[in-house]
Structure formats: structure tokens, C-alpha cells
């Protein structure tokens, strides 16, 4: 697209992809909007157990480690994802048409394999793609993000719940603002499009002023 530099934004997997560029190629990133904060998990801590009340909300990650979990997700992709939407965004009143627009992507032939591999990889149960081994190695060091950043949490529930952002503060060495968006859960771009867009435009304006 001939875009040498841009403000990048996303949440969950999209937030992680944007954060990878911000951390490893900051010269390409004019600013970062990251739903759910710092996106990189510590692989060294992946097998350290948490308290039961902190493990329960992540039940699907453990289920997907099993062959039963893979087969279950393959058979019930729509049912699982509708459950996730309701669990992670309990106040979002999405309709069937909204869900159906996203659900079409669950029929991609590689959707189940990619999803299951991702959750198994984060617990060290499978190897990553050798083509990206060097990137994996760099991300395992939990690199700091130096570009101007806005981190967002939904105030009405998610897989991990809202935070004040302080626990991740050391991972952002550049200017960073953290906001909790009331009335939204996990899917911030769809649940709170104005707040999400405002954060992007804020970084665009800041980048223009800095030039």
C-alpha cells in the first residue's frame, strides 16, 4: 500500500499484531491504540498456575489443549463464539445479523487449525512457524513499546476485566494514556466505535503536530 508509517490499532489478536510492529519496528508506527493493553504474554510464565478464581475465566484456553477441545470447536464454531461474545461483553446487545457477519469467517478452511494452534503455542504445547522464529525470540523478551500509545479496557467485563493500566506501565516507555470505556466489554471497536476512533484520531493529530 506504499504506507511507510501509520497509526496502528486493534484489540485481542489484532491488538497483538499492531503491538508487534510498534515494538519491533517503531519507525513504521506513528502511534498505537491497543485494546486490552500490553499484548505480549511471558512464555516463561505460561505454565505457572494461578489462583483458581483467575484460572476459571480462561477455561477455553485449557479446553483447546485437548483433542476433545479441537473437535468440539470444529463442530460448534458458531456456538462457541456466540458464547464468547456473551461472556466477554455481557452488556453488548448484538443482534443475529451482527453476529452472522463475523460468523462467516469461521468457515474459512484454516480457521480451526489456526485458532487451536495459537492457544496451544502460548502454552508451549506446539512449536511456532520456523519462518517467524526470530520474531518469536524477540517477543519472548517482552519488549517495551516506545511509540505514543493509547490503551483501552472495556468497563463492562471481558476475559480479564478492566484495569487501571498501572501494572503494565513499565512496558510503555513513550507517552501513554490508559482509558476504561464504560458500557463496553471486550470487543471495543464494535461496542464503542466512537471511543476507539477518537483514540486513533488523537494519535494522528499528535503525530502531525510532532512533525
C-alpha atoms as a PDB file:
ATOM      1  CA  UNK A   1       0.000   0.000   0.000  1.00  0.00           C
ATOM      2  CA  UNK A   2       3.066   2.259  -0.007  1.00  0.00           C
ATOM      3  CA  UNK A   3       2.418   3.389   3.572  1.00  0.00           C
ATOM      4  CA  UNK A   4       5.820   3.672   5.233  1.00  0.00           C
ATOM      5  CA  UNK A   5       4.319   4.825   8.534  1.00  0.00           C
ATOM      6  CA  UNK A   6       0.851   4.738  10.118  1.00  0.00           C
ATOM      7  CA  UNK A   7      -1.141   4.785  13.341  1.00  0.00           C
ATOM      8  CA  UNK A   8      -1.972   1.160  14.129  1.00  0.00           C
ATOM      9  CA  UNK A   9      -4.966  -0.004  16.150  1.00  0.00           C
ATOM     10  CA  UNK A  10      -6.556  -3.264  17.207  1.00  0.00           C
ATOM     11  CA  UNK A  11      -7.773  -5.413  20.051  1.00  0.00           C
ATOM     12  CA  UNK A  12      -7.067  -9.020  21.036  1.00  0.00           C
ATOM     13  CA  UNK A  13      -5.262 -10.704  18.110  1.00  0.00           C
ATOM     14  CA  UNK A  14      -5.395  -7.505  16.075  1.00  0.00           C
ATOM     15  CA  UNK A  15      -4.009  -5.556  19.014  1.00  0.00           C
ATOM     16  CA  UNK A  16      -1.157  -8.024  19.270  1.00  0.00           C
ATOM     17  CA  UNK A  17      -0.347  -7.667  15.564  1.00  0.00           C
ATOM     18  CA  UNK A  18      -0.308  -3.870  15.886  1.00  0.00           C
ATOM     19  CA  UNK A  19       1.814  -4.120  19.028  1.00  0.00           C
ATOM     20  CA  UNK A  20       4.371  -6.343  17.275  1.00  0.00           C
ATOM     21  CA  UNK A  21       5.010  -3.600  14.729  1.00  0.00           C
ATOM     22  CA  UNK A  22       5.079  -0.904  17.418  1.00  0.00           C
ATOM     23  CA  UNK A  23       7.615  -2.843  19.488  1.00  0.00           C
ATOM     24  CA  UNK A  24       9.894  -4.245  16.785  1.00  0.00           C
ATOM     25  CA  UNK A  25       9.556  -1.644  14.014  1.00  0.00           C
ATOM     26  CA  UNK A  26       8.702   1.609  15.824  1.00  0.00           C
ATOM     27  CA  UNK A  27       9.854   3.653  12.844  1.00  0.00           C
ATOM     28  CA  UNK A  28       6.838   2.267  10.949  1.00  0.00           C
ATOM     29  CA  UNK A  29       4.345   3.098  13.702  1.00  0.00           C
ATOM     30  CA  UNK A  30       3.152   6.680  14.215  1.00  0.00           C
ATOM     31  CA  UNK A  31       1.081   5.631  17.223  1.00  0.00           C
ATOM     32  CA  UNK A  32      -0.637   2.606  18.760  1.00  0.00           C
ATOM     33  CA  UNK A  33      -4.171   2.030  20.027  1.00  0.00           C
ATOM     34  CA  UNK A  34      -4.242  -1.276  21.879  1.00  0.00           C
ATOM     35  CA  UNK A  35      -7.438  -2.709  23.263  1.00  0.00           C
ATOM     36  CA  UNK A  36      -6.698  -4.693  26.446  1.00  0.00           C
ATOM     37  CA  UNK A  37      -3.272  -3.139  26.982  1.00  0.00           C
ATOM     38  CA  UNK A  38       0.166  -4.731  26.603  1.00  0.00           C
ATOM     39  CA  UNK A  39      -0.375  -7.654  24.246  1.00  0.00           C
ATOM     40  CA  UNK A  40       2.628  -9.926  24.795  1.00  0.00           C
ATOM     41  CA  UNK A  41       2.491 -12.852  27.222  1.00  0.00           C
ATOM     42  CA  UNK A  42       5.536 -14.116  29.088  1.00  0.00           C
ATOM     43  CA  UNK A  43       6.282 -17.612  27.717  1.00  0.00           C
ATOM     44  CA  UNK A  44       8.375 -18.383  30.792  1.00  0.00           C
ATOM     45  CA  UNK A  45       5.283 -17.875  32.959  1.00  0.00           C
ATOM     46  CA  UNK A  46       2.865 -19.824  30.766  1.00  0.00           C
ATOM     47  CA  UNK A  47       2.942 -22.959  32.911  1.00  0.00           C
ATOM     48  CA  UNK A  48       2.881 -21.216  36.283  1.00  0.00           C
ATOM     49  CA  UNK A  49      -0.554 -21.867  37.831  1.00  0.00           C
ATOM     50  CA  UNK A  50      -2.726 -19.008  39.026  1.00  0.00           C
ATOM     51  CA  UNK A  51      -5.311 -18.958  41.783  1.00  0.00           C
ATOM     52  CA  UNK A  52      -8.480 -20.883  40.868  1.00  0.00           C
ATOM     53  CA  UNK A  53     -10.586 -17.747  40.556  1.00  0.00           C
ATOM     54  CA  UNK A  54      -8.123 -16.432  37.972  1.00  0.00           C
ATOM     55  CA  UNK A  55      -7.958 -19.711  36.051  1.00  0.00           C
ATOM     56  CA  UNK A  56     -11.711 -20.176  35.633  1.00  0.00           C
ATOM     57  CA  UNK A  57     -12.257 -17.248  33.196  1.00  0.00           C
ATOM     58  CA  UNK A  58      -9.671 -18.820  30.857  1.00  0.00           C
ATOM     59  CA  UNK A  59     -11.405 -22.213  30.674  1.00  0.00           C
ATOM     60  CA  UNK A  60     -11.470 -22.298  26.852  1.00  0.00           C
ATOM     61  CA  UNK A  61      -7.692 -21.994  26.622  1.00  0.00           C
ATOM     62  CA  UNK A  62      -7.286 -25.194  28.622  1.00  0.00           C
ATOM     63  CA  UNK A  63     -10.096 -26.961  26.750  1.00  0.00           C
ATOM     64  CA  UNK A  64      -8.399 -26.207  23.451  1.00  0.00           C
ATOM     65  CA  UNK A  65      -5.243 -28.028  24.594  1.00  0.00           C
ATOM     66  CA  UNK A  66      -7.124 -31.319  24.214  1.00  0.00           C
ATOM     67  CA  UNK A  67      -8.240 -33.269  21.157  1.00  0.00           C
ATOM     68  CA  UNK A  68     -11.786 -33.075  22.517  1.00  0.00           C
ATOM     69  CA  UNK A  69     -11.433 -29.299  22.519  1.00  0.00           C
ATOM     70  CA  UNK A  70     -10.242 -29.197  18.920  1.00  0.00           C
ATOM     71  CA  UNK A  71     -13.071 -31.462  17.798  1.00  0.00           C
ATOM     72  CA  UNK A  72     -15.599 -29.507  19.846  1.00  0.00           C
ATOM     73  CA  UNK A  73     -14.541 -26.188  18.366  1.00  0.00           C
ATOM     74  CA  UNK A  74     -14.578 -27.624  14.844  1.00  0.00           C
ATOM     75  CA  UNK A  75     -18.141 -28.851  15.356  1.00  0.00           C
ATOM     76  CA  UNK A  76     -19.538 -25.880  17.277  1.00  0.00           C
ATOM     77  CA  UNK A  77     -17.605 -22.849  15.987  1.00  0.00           C
ATOM     78  CA  UNK A  78     -20.610 -20.534  15.942  1.00  0.00           C
ATOM     79  CA  UNK A  79     -21.902 -21.704  19.309  1.00  0.00           C
ATOM     80  CA  UNK A  80     -18.533 -21.226  20.978  1.00  0.00           C
ATOM     81  CA  UNK A  81     -18.012 -17.769  19.532  1.00  0.00           C
ATOM     82  CA  UNK A  82     -21.507 -16.615  20.406  1.00  0.00           C
ATOM     83  CA  UNK A  83     -20.817 -17.807  23.964  1.00  0.00           C
ATOM     84  CA  UNK A  84     -17.502 -15.928  23.997  1.00  0.00           C
ATOM     85  CA  UNK A  85     -19.191 -12.733  22.818  1.00  0.00           C
ATOM     86  CA  UNK A  86     -21.769 -13.012  25.596  1.00  0.00           C
ATOM     87  CA  UNK A  87     -19.218 -13.950  28.242  1.00  0.00           C
ATOM     88  CA  UNK A  88     -16.693 -11.255  27.392  1.00  0.00           C
ATOM     89  CA  UNK A  89     -19.172  -8.491  26.539  1.00  0.00           C
ATOM     90  CA  UNK A  90     -22.110  -9.134  28.883  1.00  0.00           C
ATOM     91  CA  UNK A  91     -23.825  -5.792  28.271  1.00  0.00           C
ATOM     92  CA  UNK A  92     -23.463  -5.808  24.470  1.00  0.00           C
ATOM     93  CA  UNK A  93     -26.872  -6.406  22.883  1.00  0.00           C
ATOM     94  CA  UNK A  94     -25.700  -7.548  19.462  1.00  0.00           C
ATOM     95  CA  UNK A  95     -28.298  -8.928  17.055  1.00  0.00           C
ATOM     96  CA  UNK A  96     -28.189 -12.041  14.877  1.00  0.00           C
ATOM     97  CA  UNK A  97     -27.235 -10.062  11.772  1.00  0.00           C
ATOM     98  CA  UNK A  98     -24.215  -8.533  13.514  1.00  0.00           C
ATOM     99  CA  UNK A  99     -23.027 -11.931  14.672  1.00  0.00           C
ATOM    100  CA  UNK A 100     -23.657 -13.507  11.262  1.00  0.00           C
ATOM    101  CA  UNK A 101     -21.380 -11.004   9.507  1.00  0.00           C
ATOM    102  CA  UNK A 102     -18.458 -12.151  11.639  1.00  0.00           C
ATOM    103  CA  UNK A 103     -19.518 -15.804  11.785  1.00  0.00           C
ATOM    104  CA  UNK A 104     -18.972 -16.202   8.048  1.00  0.00           C
ATOM    105  CA  UNK A 105     -15.229 -16.058   8.722  1.00  0.00           C
ATOM    106  CA  UNK A 106     -15.463 -19.106  10.989  1.00  0.00           C
ATOM    107  CA  UNK A 107     -15.976 -21.193   7.846  1.00  0.00           C
ATOM    108  CA  UNK A 108     -12.535 -20.339   6.478  1.00  0.00           C
ATOM    109  CA  UNK A 109     -10.809 -23.696   5.916  1.00  0.00           C
ATOM    110  CA  UNK A 110      -7.892 -22.829   8.203  1.00  0.00           C
ATOM    111  CA  UNK A 111      -9.884 -21.109  10.968  1.00  0.00           C
ATOM    112  CA  UNK A 112      -9.992 -24.015  13.417  1.00  0.00           C
ATOM    113  CA  UNK A 113      -6.390 -25.079  12.839  1.00  0.00           C
ATOM    114  CA  UNK A 114      -5.021 -21.548  13.261  1.00  0.00           C
ATOM    115  CA  UNK A 115      -7.116 -20.860  16.363  1.00  0.00           C
ATOM    116  CA  UNK A 116      -6.211 -24.111  18.118  1.00  0.00           C
ATOM    117  CA  UNK A 117      -2.533 -23.784  17.197  1.00  0.00           C
ATOM    118  CA  UNK A 118      -2.402 -20.287  18.671  1.00  0.00           C
ATOM    119  CA  UNK A 119      -3.771 -21.345  22.038  1.00  0.00           C
ATOM    120  CA  UNK A 120      -1.534 -24.398  22.178  1.00  0.00           C
ATOM    121  CA  UNK A 121       1.530 -22.393  21.166  1.00  0.00           C
ATOM    122  CA  UNK A 122       1.096 -19.945  24.032  1.00  0.00           C
ATOM    123  CA  UNK A 123       1.358 -22.855  26.498  1.00  0.00           C
ATOM    124  CA  UNK A 124       4.345 -24.409  24.752  1.00  0.00           C
ATOM    125  CA  UNK A 125       2.395 -27.444  23.527  1.00  0.00           C
ATOM    126  CA  UNK A 126       3.342 -26.895  19.857  1.00  0.00           C
ATOM    127  CA  UNK A 127       6.151 -25.169  18.010  1.00  0.00           C
ATOM    128  CA  UNK A 128       5.693 -21.926  16.118  1.00  0.00           C
ATOM    129  CA  UNK A 129       6.348 -21.411  12.424  1.00  0.00           C
ATOM    130  CA  UNK A 130      10.145 -21.588  11.895  1.00  0.00           C
ATOM    131  CA  UNK A 131       9.865 -18.688   9.456  1.00  0.00           C
ATOM    132  CA  UNK A 132       8.998 -16.416  12.394  1.00  0.00           C
ATOM    133  CA  UNK A 133      11.387 -17.878  14.963  1.00  0.00           C
ATOM    134  CA  UNK A 134      13.453 -14.693  15.198  1.00  0.00           C
ATOM    135  CA  UNK A 135      10.345 -12.582  15.802  1.00  0.00           C
ATOM    136  CA  UNK A 136       9.196 -15.092  18.436  1.00  0.00           C
ATOM    137  CA  UNK A 137      12.565 -14.834  20.136  1.00  0.00           C
ATOM    138  CA  UNK A 138      12.361 -11.052  20.292  1.00  0.00           C
ATOM    139  CA  UNK A 139       8.778 -11.076  21.601  1.00  0.00           C
ATOM    140  CA  UNK A 140       9.718 -13.592  24.298  1.00  0.00           C
ATOM    141  CA  UNK A 141      11.883 -10.873  25.848  1.00  0.00           C
ATOM    142  CA  UNK A 142       8.701  -8.797  26.370  1.00  0.00           C
ATOM    143  CA  UNK A 143       9.979  -5.706  24.544  1.00  0.00           C
ATOM    144  CA  UNK A 144       8.898  -2.257  25.621  1.00  0.00           C
ATOM    145  CA  UNK A 145       6.751  -0.115  23.333  1.00  0.00           C
ATOM    146  CA  UNK A 146       8.234   3.311  22.754  1.00  0.00           C
ATOM    147  CA  UNK A 147       5.693   4.901  20.408  1.00  0.00           C
ATOM    148  CA  UNK A 148       2.869   7.148  21.590  1.00  0.00           C
ATOM    149  CA  UNK A 149       0.106   4.810  22.797  1.00  0.00           C
ATOM    150  CA  UNK A 150      -3.491   4.784  23.977  1.00  0.00           C
ATOM    151  CA  UNK A 151      -4.512   1.594  25.801  1.00  0.00           C
ATOM    152  CA  UNK A 152      -8.184   0.827  26.305  1.00  0.00           C
ATOM    153  CA  UNK A 153     -10.139  -1.512  28.571  1.00  0.00           C
ATOM    154  CA  UNK A 154     -13.861  -2.126  28.423  1.00  0.00           C
ATOM    155  CA  UNK A 155     -15.516  -1.284  31.716  1.00  0.00           C
ATOM    156  CA  UNK A 156     -18.247  -3.904  31.500  1.00  0.00           C
ATOM    157  CA  UNK A 157     -16.402  -7.160  31.637  1.00  0.00           C
ATOM    158  CA  UNK A 158     -14.036  -9.109  29.426  1.00  0.00           C
ATOM    159  CA  UNK A 159     -11.931 -12.226  29.734  1.00  0.00           C
ATOM    160  CA  UNK A 160      -9.685 -10.405  32.204  1.00  0.00           C
ATOM    161  CA  UNK A 161     -11.755  -7.466  33.392  1.00  0.00           C
ATOM    162  CA  UNK A 162     -10.862  -3.756  33.309  1.00  0.00           C
ATOM    163  CA  UNK A 163      -7.668  -2.456  34.875  1.00  0.00           C
ATOM    164  CA  UNK A 164      -6.232   0.935  35.729  1.00  0.00           C
ATOM    165  CA  UNK A 165      -3.279   0.190  33.446  1.00  0.00           C
ATOM    166  CA  UNK A 166      -0.654   0.627  36.148  1.00  0.00           C
ATOM    167  CA  UNK A 167       0.573  -2.984  36.139  1.00  0.00           C
ATOM    168  CA  UNK A 168       1.719  -2.607  32.533  1.00  0.00           C
ATOM    169  CA  UNK A 169       3.044   0.932  32.763  1.00  0.00           C
ATOM    170  CA  UNK A 170       6.715  -0.075  32.618  1.00  0.00           C
ATOM    171  CA  UNK A 171       6.152  -1.709  29.225  1.00  0.00           C
ATOM    172  CA  UNK A 172       5.304   1.648  27.635  1.00  0.00           C
ATOM    173  CA  UNK A 173       8.359   3.878  27.569  1.00  0.00           C
ATOM    174  CA  UNK A 174       6.831   6.556  25.344  1.00  0.00           C
ATOM    175  CA  UNK A 175       3.812   8.789  26.019  1.00  0.00           C
ATOM    176  CA  UNK A 176       0.899   6.592  27.033  1.00  0.00           C
ATOM    177  CA  UNK A 177      -2.703   7.168  28.084  1.00  0.00           C
ATOM    178  CA  UNK A 178      -4.910   4.445  29.559  1.00  0.00           C
ATOM    179  CA  UNK A 179      -8.706   4.643  29.487  1.00  0.00           C
ATOM    180  CA  UNK A 180     -11.546   2.465  30.709  1.00  0.00           C
ATOM    181  CA  UNK A 181     -14.545   2.673  28.372  1.00  0.00           C
ATOM    182  CA  UNK A 182     -17.836   2.402  30.288  1.00  0.00           C
ATOM    183  CA  UNK A 183     -20.617   0.423  28.653  1.00  0.00           C
ATOM    184  CA  UNK A 184     -18.230  -1.724  26.601  1.00  0.00           C
ATOM    185  CA  UNK A 185     -16.732  -5.158  27.053  1.00  0.00           C
ATOM    186  CA  UNK A 186     -14.026  -6.967  25.124  1.00  0.00           C
ATOM    187  CA  UNK A 187     -14.896  -6.053  21.519  1.00  0.00           C
ATOM    188  CA  UNK A 188     -14.109  -2.367  21.794  1.00  0.00           C
ATOM    189  CA  UNK A 189     -14.161  -1.399  18.083  1.00  0.00           C
ATOM    190  CA  UNK A 190     -17.714  -2.697  17.656  1.00  0.00           C
ATOM    191  CA  UNK A 191     -19.094  -1.894  21.090  1.00  0.00           C
ATOM    192  CA  UNK A 192     -17.572   1.573  21.411  1.00  0.00           C
ATOM    193  CA  UNK A 193     -16.643   2.656  17.869  1.00  0.00           C
ATOM    194  CA  UNK A 194     -16.615   6.366  18.701  1.00  0.00           C
ATOM    195  CA  UNK A 195     -14.238   5.966  21.644  1.00  0.00           C
ATOM    196  CA  UNK A 196     -11.988   3.681  19.624  1.00  0.00           C
ATOM    197  CA  UNK A 197     -11.951   6.011  16.616  1.00  0.00           C
ATOM    198  CA  UNK A 198     -11.345   9.041  18.833  1.00  0.00           C
ATOM    199  CA  UNK A 199      -8.227   7.354  20.218  1.00  0.00           C
ATOM    200  CA  UNK A 200      -6.919   6.727  16.700  1.00  0.00           C
ATOM    201  CA  UNK A 201      -7.589  10.305  15.586  1.00  0.00           C
ATOM    202  CA  UNK A 202      -5.961  11.638  18.744  1.00  0.00           C
ATOM    203  CA  UNK A 203      -2.738   9.866  17.781  1.00  0.00           C
ATOM    204  CA  UNK A 204      -2.981  11.018  14.169  1.00  0.00           C
ATOM    205  CA  UNK A 205      -3.234  14.637  15.337  1.00  0.00           C
ATOM    206  CA  UNK A 206      -0.368  14.184  17.811  1.00  0.00           C
ATOM    207  CA  UNK A 207       1.844  12.755  15.079  1.00  0.00           C
ATOM    208  CA  UNK A 208       1.074  15.667  12.768  1.00  0.00           C
ATOM    209  CA  UNK A 209       1.940  18.179  15.487  1.00  0.00           C
ATOM    210  CA  UNK A 210       5.246  16.421  16.132  1.00  0.00           C
ATOM    211  CA  UNK A 211       6.416  16.689  12.525  1.00  0.00           C
END
